[in-house]
Protein backbone atom coordinates (compact mmCIF):
# COMPACT_ATOMS: atom_id res chain seq x y z
CA MET A 1 98.32 129.20 100.29
CA ALA A 2 94.52 128.95 100.14
CA VAL A 3 93.03 127.99 96.77
CA ASP A 4 89.96 129.89 95.61
CA THR A 5 86.91 128.23 94.15
CA ILE A 6 86.44 129.62 90.64
CA PHE A 7 83.64 129.64 88.08
CA ALA A 8 83.12 130.51 84.43
CA ARG A 9 81.06 129.66 81.40
CA ALA A 10 82.80 126.75 79.70
CA SER A 11 80.81 126.92 76.46
CA GLY A 12 80.87 129.72 73.87
CA ALA A 13 79.79 133.22 74.79
CA GLY A 14 76.47 134.72 73.73
CA LYS A 15 72.85 133.61 73.63
CA ALA A 16 72.42 129.85 73.18
CA GLY A 17 69.93 127.06 73.76
CA VAL A 18 72.27 125.50 76.32
CA ALA A 19 75.31 126.88 78.11
CA VAL A 20 77.73 124.97 80.35
CA TYR A 21 79.01 126.58 83.54
CA ARG A 22 81.97 125.13 85.43
CA LEU A 23 82.83 125.47 89.12
CA SER A 24 86.19 124.20 90.44
CA GLY A 25 87.96 124.35 93.78
CA PRO A 26 87.84 123.14 97.37
CA ASP A 27 84.32 124.51 97.99
CA ALA A 28 82.86 123.62 94.57
CA HIS A 29 80.59 120.84 95.83
CA LYS A 30 79.54 122.71 98.97
CA ILE A 31 78.57 125.77 96.91
CA PHE A 32 76.80 123.54 94.41
CA SER A 33 74.74 121.93 97.19
CA LYS A 34 73.63 125.35 98.36
CA LEU A 35 72.54 126.22 94.82
CA VAL A 36 70.45 123.10 94.25
CA GLY A 37 69.54 122.19 97.83
CA LYS A 38 70.91 118.63 97.62
CA ARG A 39 73.97 116.56 96.89
CA ILE A 40 73.94 114.38 93.76
CA ASN A 41 75.97 111.25 93.02
CA ASN A 42 79.50 111.64 91.69
CA ARG A 43 79.76 111.53 87.87
CA GLU A 44 76.02 111.06 87.38
CA ALA A 45 73.87 113.59 85.50
CA ALA A 46 70.90 114.89 87.51
CA TYR A 47 68.06 117.28 86.71
CA VAL A 48 68.17 120.16 89.22
CA ALA A 49 66.56 123.49 90.01
CA VAL A 50 69.22 126.13 90.63
CA ARG A 51 68.24 128.71 93.24
CA ASP A 52 69.77 131.83 94.73
CA PRO A 53 70.02 130.91 98.43
CA ALA A 54 70.53 134.56 99.38
CA ASP A 55 67.18 135.52 97.80
CA GLY A 56 64.41 134.39 100.16
CA SER A 57 61.64 136.26 98.38
CA VAL A 58 59.90 133.04 97.27
CA SER A 59 60.93 130.41 99.84
CA ASP A 60 63.64 129.68 102.36
CA ARG A 61 65.67 128.14 99.56
CA GLY A 62 65.49 131.24 97.39
CA GLN A 63 64.17 132.12 93.98
CA ILE A 64 64.77 129.74 91.06
CA ILE A 65 67.43 130.96 88.62
CA ASP A 66 66.94 128.16 86.08
CA LYS A 67 66.53 124.39 85.72
CA GLY A 68 68.91 122.05 83.94
CA LEU A 69 71.39 119.19 84.19
CA ALA A 70 74.27 118.96 86.66
CA ILE A 71 77.29 116.65 87.05
CA LEU A 72 79.75 116.48 89.95
CA PHE A 73 83.34 115.30 89.57
CA GLU A 74 85.24 114.52 92.75
CA GLY A 75 88.93 115.36 92.66
CA PRO A 76 91.39 114.18 91.62
CA ARG A 77 89.28 112.46 88.91
CA SER A 78 88.31 115.70 87.20
CA PHE A 79 89.66 118.00 84.51
CA THR A 80 91.40 120.28 87.02
CA GLY A 81 92.21 117.60 89.59
CA GLU A 82 89.97 119.46 92.06
CA ASP A 83 86.33 119.02 92.99
CA VAL A 84 84.35 120.23 89.97
CA ALA A 85 80.65 120.91 89.34
CA GLU A 86 79.20 121.55 85.89
CA LEU A 87 75.77 123.00 85.18
CA SER A 88 74.04 122.88 81.80
CA LEU A 89 71.48 125.70 81.82
CA HIS A 90 69.78 127.89 79.24
CA GLY A 91 72.26 130.22 77.59
CA ALA A 92 70.47 133.49 78.36
CA ARG A 93 72.25 136.58 79.60
CA ALA A 94 69.72 136.98 82.45
CA VAL A 95 70.36 133.40 83.62
CA GLU A 96 74.12 133.92 83.48
CA GLU A 97 74.01 137.18 85.42
CA ALA A 98 71.78 135.71 88.15
CA LEU A 99 73.97 132.58 88.43
CA TYR A 100 77.19 134.59 88.64
CA ASP A 101 75.68 136.84 91.30
CA ALA A 102 74.65 133.81 93.39
CA LEU A 103 78.06 132.12 93.01
CA THR A 104 79.88 135.28 94.04
CA LYS A 105 77.72 135.67 97.15
CA LEU A 106 78.48 132.04 98.06
CA GLY A 107 82.24 132.71 98.02
CA ALA A 108 83.41 131.75 94.53
CA ARG A 109 85.13 134.13 92.13
CA PRO A 110 85.22 134.45 88.32
CA ALA A 111 88.02 132.44 86.71
CA GLU A 112 90.82 134.14 84.81
CA ALA A 113 91.72 133.21 81.24
CA GLY A 114 92.93 129.61 81.12
CA GLU A 115 92.76 129.19 84.89
CA PHE A 116 90.98 125.82 84.79
CA THR A 117 93.69 124.43 82.50
CA LEU A 118 96.43 126.02 84.60
CA ARG A 119 95.09 124.16 87.63
CA ALA A 120 95.05 120.95 85.59
CA LEU A 121 98.72 121.57 84.79
CA LYS A 122 99.68 122.29 88.39
CA ASN A 123 97.76 119.24 89.64
CA GLY A 124 99.47 116.91 87.18
CA LYS A 125 96.41 116.22 85.00
CA LEU A 126 98.13 117.67 81.92
CA ASP A 127 101.73 118.52 81.05
CA LEU A 128 102.78 121.62 79.14
CA ALA A 129 102.77 119.95 75.72
CA GLN A 130 99.23 118.72 76.36
CA VAL A 131 98.14 122.19 77.46
CA GLU A 132 99.40 123.58 74.16
CA ALA A 133 97.60 120.78 72.32
CA LEU A 134 94.37 121.70 74.08
CA ALA A 135 94.75 125.30 72.91
CA ASP A 136 95.42 124.04 69.37
CA LEU A 137 92.34 121.81 69.50
CA ILE A 138 90.14 124.73 70.56
CA ASP A 139 91.56 126.85 67.72
CA SER A 140 91.53 124.08 65.08
CA GLU A 141 89.96 125.04 61.76
CA THR A 142 90.66 121.95 59.66
CA THR A 143 90.39 118.18 60.05
CA LEU A 144 94.17 117.80 59.95
CA GLN A 145 94.62 120.37 62.72
CA ARG A 146 92.00 118.60 64.85
CA LYS A 147 93.65 115.19 64.39
CA GLN A 148 97.09 116.58 65.13
CA ALA A 149 95.93 118.38 68.28
CA LEU A 150 94.10 115.29 69.57
CA GLY A 151 97.24 113.21 69.12
CA GLN A 152 99.31 115.70 71.10
CA LEU A 153 96.60 115.93 73.75
CA ASP A 154 96.75 112.14 74.14
CA GLY A 155 100.39 112.58 75.17
CA ARG A 156 102.19 111.36 72.04
CA LEU A 157 104.82 114.11 72.10
CA SER A 158 105.12 113.90 75.88
CA ALA A 159 105.86 110.17 75.67
CA VAL A 160 108.56 110.71 73.05
CA ALA A 161 110.19 113.50 75.06
CA GLU A 162 110.16 111.32 78.18
CA GLY A 163 111.76 108.50 76.16
CA TRP A 164 114.55 110.83 75.10
CA ARG A 165 115.08 111.90 78.71
CA LYS A 166 115.39 108.26 79.83
CA ASP A 167 117.89 107.63 77.03
CA ILE A 168 120.01 110.50 78.33
CA LEU A 169 119.83 109.10 81.86
CA SER A 170 121.15 105.80 80.53
CA VAL A 171 124.04 107.75 78.95
CA LEU A 172 124.76 109.49 82.25
CA ALA A 173 125.28 106.20 84.12
CA PRO A 174 128.57 105.21 82.41
CA LEU A 175 129.79 108.82 82.38
CA GLU A 176 129.36 109.09 86.12
CA ALA A 177 131.03 105.72 86.56
CA ASP A 178 134.22 107.22 85.14
CA ILE A 179 133.86 110.16 87.51
CA ASP A 180 133.35 107.85 90.51
CA PHE A 181 136.18 105.46 89.60
CA PRO A 182 138.90 107.64 88.04
CA ASP A 183 141.73 105.25 88.99
CA GLU A 184 140.39 102.36 86.99
CA GLY A 185 142.44 102.39 83.84
CA ASP A 186 139.94 100.68 81.58
CA VAL A 187 136.93 102.78 82.62
CA PRO A 188 137.44 105.72 80.18
CA ALA A 189 137.67 103.37 77.20
CA ALA A 190 134.60 101.45 78.39
CA VAL A 191 132.74 104.70 78.92
CA ALA A 192 133.54 105.90 75.42
CA ALA A 193 132.47 102.55 73.99
CA ARG A 194 129.12 102.61 75.82
CA ALA A 195 128.17 106.29 75.97
CA GLY A 196 129.53 107.35 72.58
CA PRO A 197 127.23 105.22 70.39
CA ALA A 198 124.28 105.98 72.67
CA ILE A 199 124.78 109.72 72.27
CA ALA A 200 125.23 109.35 68.49
CA ALA A 201 122.01 107.34 68.23
CA LEU A 202 120.11 109.86 70.31
CA LYS A 203 121.40 112.73 68.17
CA THR A 204 120.24 110.90 65.05
CA SER A 205 116.80 110.35 66.56
CA LEU A 206 116.45 114.01 67.56
CA THR A 207 117.63 115.26 64.16
CA THR A 208 115.24 112.96 62.27
CA PHE A 209 112.35 114.02 64.46
CA LEU A 210 113.27 117.67 63.95
CA ASN A 211 113.26 117.30 60.16
CA GLN A 212 109.99 115.37 60.11
CA SER A 213 108.23 118.03 62.14
CA VAL A 214 108.38 120.67 59.39
CA SER A 215 105.16 119.43 57.80
CA ALA A 216 103.49 119.09 61.20
CA ARG A 217 104.10 122.77 61.90
CA LYS A 218 102.53 123.64 58.56
CA ILE A 219 99.41 121.75 59.57
CA ARG A 220 99.18 123.82 62.75
CA GLU A 221 100.27 127.18 61.35
CA GLY A 222 98.98 126.83 57.79
CA VAL A 223 100.57 127.64 54.45
CA SER A 224 100.85 130.96 52.67
CA ILE A 225 99.86 131.47 49.03
CA ALA A 226 100.84 134.61 47.14
CA ILE A 227 98.76 135.65 44.10
CA ILE A 228 101.08 137.64 41.86
CA GLY A 229 101.10 138.97 38.31
CA PRO A 230 100.85 142.10 36.19
CA PRO A 231 98.13 144.74 36.70
CA ASN A 232 94.66 143.91 35.33
CA ALA A 233 95.43 140.20 34.94
CA GLY A 234 92.50 139.36 37.21
CA LYS A 235 94.34 138.61 40.48
CA SER A 236 91.70 140.20 42.71
CA SER A 237 88.88 138.52 40.78
CA LEU A 238 90.65 135.19 41.22
CA VAL A 239 91.04 135.74 44.98
CA ASN A 240 87.35 136.64 45.26
CA ALA A 241 86.40 133.52 43.31
CA LEU A 242 88.53 131.34 45.60
CA ALA A 243 87.14 132.98 48.74
CA GLY A 244 83.54 132.92 47.51
CA SER A 245 83.10 136.57 48.54
CA ASP A 246 84.28 140.04 47.58
CA VAL A 247 87.34 140.32 49.80
CA ALA A 248 89.31 142.37 47.27
CA ILE A 249 88.33 145.42 45.20
CA VAL A 250 88.04 144.69 41.49
CA SER A 251 88.52 147.47 38.94
CA ASP A 252 89.70 147.99 35.37
CA ILE A 253 92.04 150.70 36.65
CA ALA A 254 95.63 149.45 36.73
CA GLY A 255 97.18 149.51 40.20
CA THR A 256 93.90 149.24 42.14
CA THR A 257 95.41 146.79 44.63
CA ARG A 258 98.21 148.56 46.46
CA ASP A 259 98.49 146.83 49.79
CA ILE A 260 98.26 143.11 50.51
CA VAL A 261 94.72 141.76 50.99
CA GLU A 262 94.48 138.43 52.80
CA THR A 263 91.81 135.77 53.15
CA ARG A 264 91.88 132.28 54.68
CA LEU A 265 90.74 129.05 53.06
CA ASP A 266 90.42 125.46 54.25
CA LEU A 267 92.42 123.44 51.75
CA GLY A 268 92.76 120.51 54.12
CA VAL A 269 95.55 122.64 55.54
CA VAL A 270 94.69 126.21 56.53
CA ALA A 271 95.83 128.52 53.73
CA THR A 272 96.33 132.27 53.86
CA ILE A 273 95.87 133.66 50.35
CA ALA A 274 97.36 137.08 49.67
CA ASP A 275 96.22 139.32 46.82
CA THR A 276 99.17 141.53 45.94
CA ALA A 277 99.83 144.68 43.94
CA GLY A 278 100.30 144.31 40.19
CA LEU A 279 103.93 143.82 39.23
CA ARG A 280 105.16 146.23 36.58
CA GLY A 281 108.38 148.04 35.89
CA MET A 282 107.17 151.64 36.24
CA ALA A 283 104.84 152.18 39.19
CA GLY A 284 102.31 155.00 38.93
CA ASP A 285 103.30 156.67 42.23
CA VAL A 286 105.24 156.07 45.44
CA ILE A 287 102.30 154.24 47.04
CA GLU A 288 102.05 151.76 44.19
CA GLU A 289 105.83 151.41 44.24
CA GLU A 290 105.65 150.37 47.91
CA GLY A 291 102.85 147.95 47.04
CA VAL A 292 105.01 146.32 44.36
CA LYS A 293 107.88 146.02 46.83
CA ARG A 294 105.59 144.30 49.35
CA ALA A 295 104.21 142.02 46.66
CA LYS A 296 107.69 140.79 45.75
CA LYS A 297 108.58 140.25 49.39
CA ARG A 298 105.39 138.27 50.02
CA ALA A 299 106.07 136.14 46.92
CA GLU A 300 109.57 135.34 48.17
CA GLU A 301 108.28 134.33 51.62
CA ALA A 302 105.22 132.35 50.47
CA ASP A 303 105.01 128.56 50.44
CA ILE A 304 103.14 128.63 47.10
CA ARG A 305 102.98 131.27 44.36
CA VAL A 306 100.23 131.63 41.76
CA LEU A 307 101.17 133.77 38.77
CA VAL A 308 98.01 135.13 37.15
CA ILE A 309 98.31 136.10 33.48
CA ASP A 310 95.76 137.47 31.05
CA GLY A 311 95.93 134.70 28.44
CA GLY A 312 94.69 137.00 25.69
CA GLU A 313 97.70 139.31 26.03
CA ILE A 314 100.32 136.62 25.57
CA VAL A 315 101.10 135.97 21.93
CA SER A 316 103.61 133.18 22.61
CA ARG A 317 103.65 131.05 25.73
CA GLU A 318 107.12 129.80 24.80
CA THR A 319 108.41 133.38 24.60
CA LEU A 320 106.99 134.10 28.06
CA LEU A 321 108.59 131.09 29.70
CA ALA A 322 111.87 131.53 27.84
CA GLY A 323 112.55 135.06 28.96
CA GLY A 324 109.42 137.01 29.71
CA VAL A 325 107.47 139.57 27.73
CA GLU A 326 106.73 143.24 28.21
CA ASN A 327 103.94 142.94 30.80
CA VAL A 328 105.39 139.80 32.47
CA PRO A 329 109.14 140.45 32.59
CA ARG A 330 111.87 137.99 33.56
CA GLU A 331 111.97 139.60 37.01
CA THR A 332 108.41 138.44 37.68
CA LEU A 333 109.02 134.92 36.38
CA ASP A 334 112.09 134.64 38.61
CA LEU A 335 109.80 134.87 41.64
CA LEU A 336 108.36 131.47 40.74
CA GLN A 337 109.77 128.20 42.01
CA PRO A 338 109.37 124.73 40.45
CA GLY A 339 105.91 123.39 41.23
CA ASP A 340 104.30 126.84 41.53
CA ILE A 341 101.16 127.59 39.51
CA ILE A 342 100.60 129.72 36.42
CA ALA A 343 96.91 130.55 36.01
CA TRP A 344 96.10 131.58 32.42
CA ASN A 345 93.11 133.75 33.26
CA LYS A 346 90.20 135.18 31.23
CA SER A 347 89.78 132.02 29.19
CA ASP A 348 86.12 133.02 28.66
CA ARG A 349 87.25 135.78 26.27
CA LEU A 350 89.27 133.50 24.04
CA SER A 351 88.37 131.09 21.29
CA GLU A 352 89.98 127.64 21.31
CA GLY A 353 92.68 128.61 18.88
CA GLN A 354 93.70 131.71 20.80
CA ARG A 355 94.46 129.96 24.07
CA PRO A 356 98.12 129.41 24.92
CA GLU A 357 98.88 125.73 24.53
CA ILE A 358 99.72 124.26 27.91
CA GLY A 359 102.59 121.82 27.68
CA HIS A 360 105.57 120.68 29.71
CA SER A 361 107.10 123.22 32.10
CA PRO A 362 108.47 123.28 35.67
CA TYR A 363 105.16 124.85 36.75
CA THR A 364 101.57 123.68 37.06
CA GLU A 365 99.71 125.55 34.30
CA LEU A 366 95.95 125.90 34.30
CA ASP A 367 93.43 127.52 31.99
CA VAL A 368 90.94 129.42 34.19
CA SER A 369 88.28 132.12 34.19
CA ALA A 370 87.67 133.95 37.46
CA LYS A 371 84.58 135.46 35.85
CA THR A 372 82.76 132.29 34.77
CA GLY A 373 84.38 129.85 37.18
CA ALA A 374 85.80 127.69 34.40
CA GLY A 375 88.91 125.88 35.59
CA MET A 376 88.51 127.10 39.19
CA ALA A 377 87.82 123.60 40.53
CA ALA A 378 91.08 122.41 38.95
CA LEU A 379 92.90 125.37 40.52
CA VAL A 380 91.50 124.56 43.98
CA ARG A 381 92.53 120.91 43.54
CA ALA A 382 96.05 121.96 42.57
CA LEU A 383 96.32 124.30 45.56
CA THR A 384 94.96 121.62 47.89
CA GLU A 385 97.51 119.07 46.66
CA LYS A 386 100.39 121.50 47.03
CA ALA A 387 99.25 122.70 50.46
CA ALA A 388 99.04 119.12 51.71
CA GLU A 389 102.40 118.00 50.28
CA GLY A 390 104.32 116.32 53.07
CA ALA A 391 101.60 117.04 55.62
CA LYS A 392 101.11 114.21 58.08
CA THR A 393 99.32 113.75 61.39
CA ASP A 394 100.42 110.23 62.25
CA GLY A 395 102.58 110.15 65.34
CA PRO A 396 103.92 112.92 67.55
CA ALA A 397 105.50 116.10 66.21
CA LEU A 398 107.22 119.30 67.26
CA THR A 399 104.40 121.69 66.44
CA ARG A 400 105.66 124.86 68.11
CA ALA A 401 108.80 126.98 67.91
CA ARG A 402 109.31 126.31 71.64
CA HIS A 403 109.51 122.56 71.02
CA ILE A 404 112.01 123.00 68.20
CA ALA A 405 114.20 125.33 70.29
CA ALA A 406 114.27 122.75 73.11
CA VAL A 407 115.36 119.93 70.76
CA GLU A 408 117.99 122.14 69.11
CA GLU A 409 119.33 123.08 72.55
CA ALA A 410 119.49 119.38 73.49
CA LEU A 411 121.30 118.53 70.25
CA ALA A 412 123.92 121.21 70.89
CA ALA A 413 124.50 119.92 74.43
CA LEU A 414 124.81 116.30 73.23
CA THR A 415 127.31 117.36 70.56
CA ARG A 416 129.46 118.95 73.26
CA ALA A 417 129.11 115.85 75.43
CA GLU A 418 130.14 113.59 72.55
CA ALA A 419 133.38 115.53 72.09
CA LYS A 420 134.31 115.31 75.79
CA ILE A 421 133.53 111.66 76.64
CA ALA A 422 137.09 110.36 76.72
CA SER A 423 138.98 113.48 77.81
CA ALA A 424 136.61 115.08 80.32
CA PRO A 425 133.77 112.74 81.34
CA GLU A 426 132.67 115.07 84.14
CA LEU A 427 132.08 117.85 81.59
CA ALA A 428 130.38 115.42 79.22
CA ALA A 429 128.06 114.39 82.06
CA GLU A 430 127.14 118.01 82.73
CA ASP A 431 126.33 118.57 79.04
CA ALA A 432 124.19 115.42 79.08
CA ARG A 433 122.29 116.85 82.07
CA LEU A 434 121.79 120.09 80.15
CA ALA A 435 120.40 118.10 77.23
CA ALA A 436 117.94 116.32 79.54
CA ARG A 437 116.95 119.66 81.03
CA ALA A 438 116.34 121.13 77.56
CA LEU A 439 114.06 118.22 76.63
CA GLY A 440 112.24 118.62 79.93
CA LYS A 441 111.10 122.04 78.75
CA ILE A 442 108.82 120.38 76.19
CA THR A 443 106.56 118.90 78.85
CA GLY A 444 107.20 121.57 81.45
CA ALA A 445 109.26 119.34 83.71
CA VAL A 446 111.63 122.31 83.99
CA GLY A 447 111.36 126.01 83.20
CA VAL A 448 107.55 125.96 83.18
CA GLU A 449 107.11 129.42 84.73
CA ASP A 450 109.03 131.07 81.88
CA VAL A 451 106.39 130.21 79.27
CA LEU A 452 103.10 130.10 81.17
CA GLY A 453 102.17 133.72 80.40
CA GLU A 454 102.69 133.29 76.67
CA ILE A 455 100.83 129.99 76.45
CA PHE A 456 97.81 130.88 78.58
CA SER A 457 97.31 134.30 76.99
CA SER A 458 95.54 132.52 74.11
CA PHE A 459 93.04 130.66 76.31
CA CYS A 460 89.44 131.72 76.83
CA ILE A 461 88.03 132.44 80.29
CA GLY A 462 86.03 129.20 80.51
CA LYS A 463 89.02 126.93 79.79
């Protein structure tokens, strides 16, 4: 099947001082030579004038489209594994349109979303785990996400998965020995002695890796923070203060916030902060009642909860924590988990003696004022610490649900194999093969076509 030569803008869309355009495929260098009228050295930057060879209105070589830098990469030593040409030109719409028109007339076609990376995958330049890491790197918003994605892109996870696969192959050898030499009386016992511990060790390794990857997924996916509390406690004002902009409507009218309002913050880990409806026993109408229901559900699902309380309305902090008070009932306090935060808001309205004394409790308690900003730095520090708890980027990790499903599938197959070693080695061997196949899904060694559509749907055209 013939392979097309494709092109696209590899840098961000829109007007820019410089834009990078990529050309990849069997005719990439031939088309490039027609554009610039010469061949440049492989992997050396050269200043070129790009012309439209089909437009002879100025000279035989055509009208100049733009001038800039060019680099050629001969396959397979290129991103896609094919011949590649990259042009750095001015990022003007007129330049782009003229360049695309010339490339089309010379036989190239526009690339589809993620097509350059797909070719890199098919040509063995990247495996599936590295492709996912590249997508994560492009989408990274925090330093931790960037570091994690770079580690995966370097092949850390791929190397671990390949190590597991080799371990399974070493388990298969004694199992198949029993199948090949069934008349040897001592073989089954020897097989159980060799393969049994190896399978147990591999299961332990997979389980440990699975457990350690929880924090890694939080780095990639972020943490959720629910801001809860009674009406008029200042939840929306607190969210606005954290976000540094008016993302939520603030009003003295109780029940103003009815649906969940979200904003994202960089707390080292990406955090989605949700402003929720005020929690009270008797909702004003069915809409507010639905808002309260959603608020409780979001609080239950969140990684961190921040209970916002108007400090001036609480006569006794001890009474509140012991069993709740009228505007902060026990039902609201029960949404909190140890380590969550209680923000005693509106401290600017209180004198020193009126403030609830903050002492020992299972929660982190802070005296804050969303209006003046007092205590907000301490709140951000507390949220940052809690968001980063257990987060780590050192070493490989299972960062996607697909990776976790593959390891869980392998663990189930190994458990079946472990139970059949002595009685049915041929069945144990088949389960070991299934485990190896499951782990092969991580890198795309098997079953790659089943997930390509989902993975590449998130890629931009130029990648």
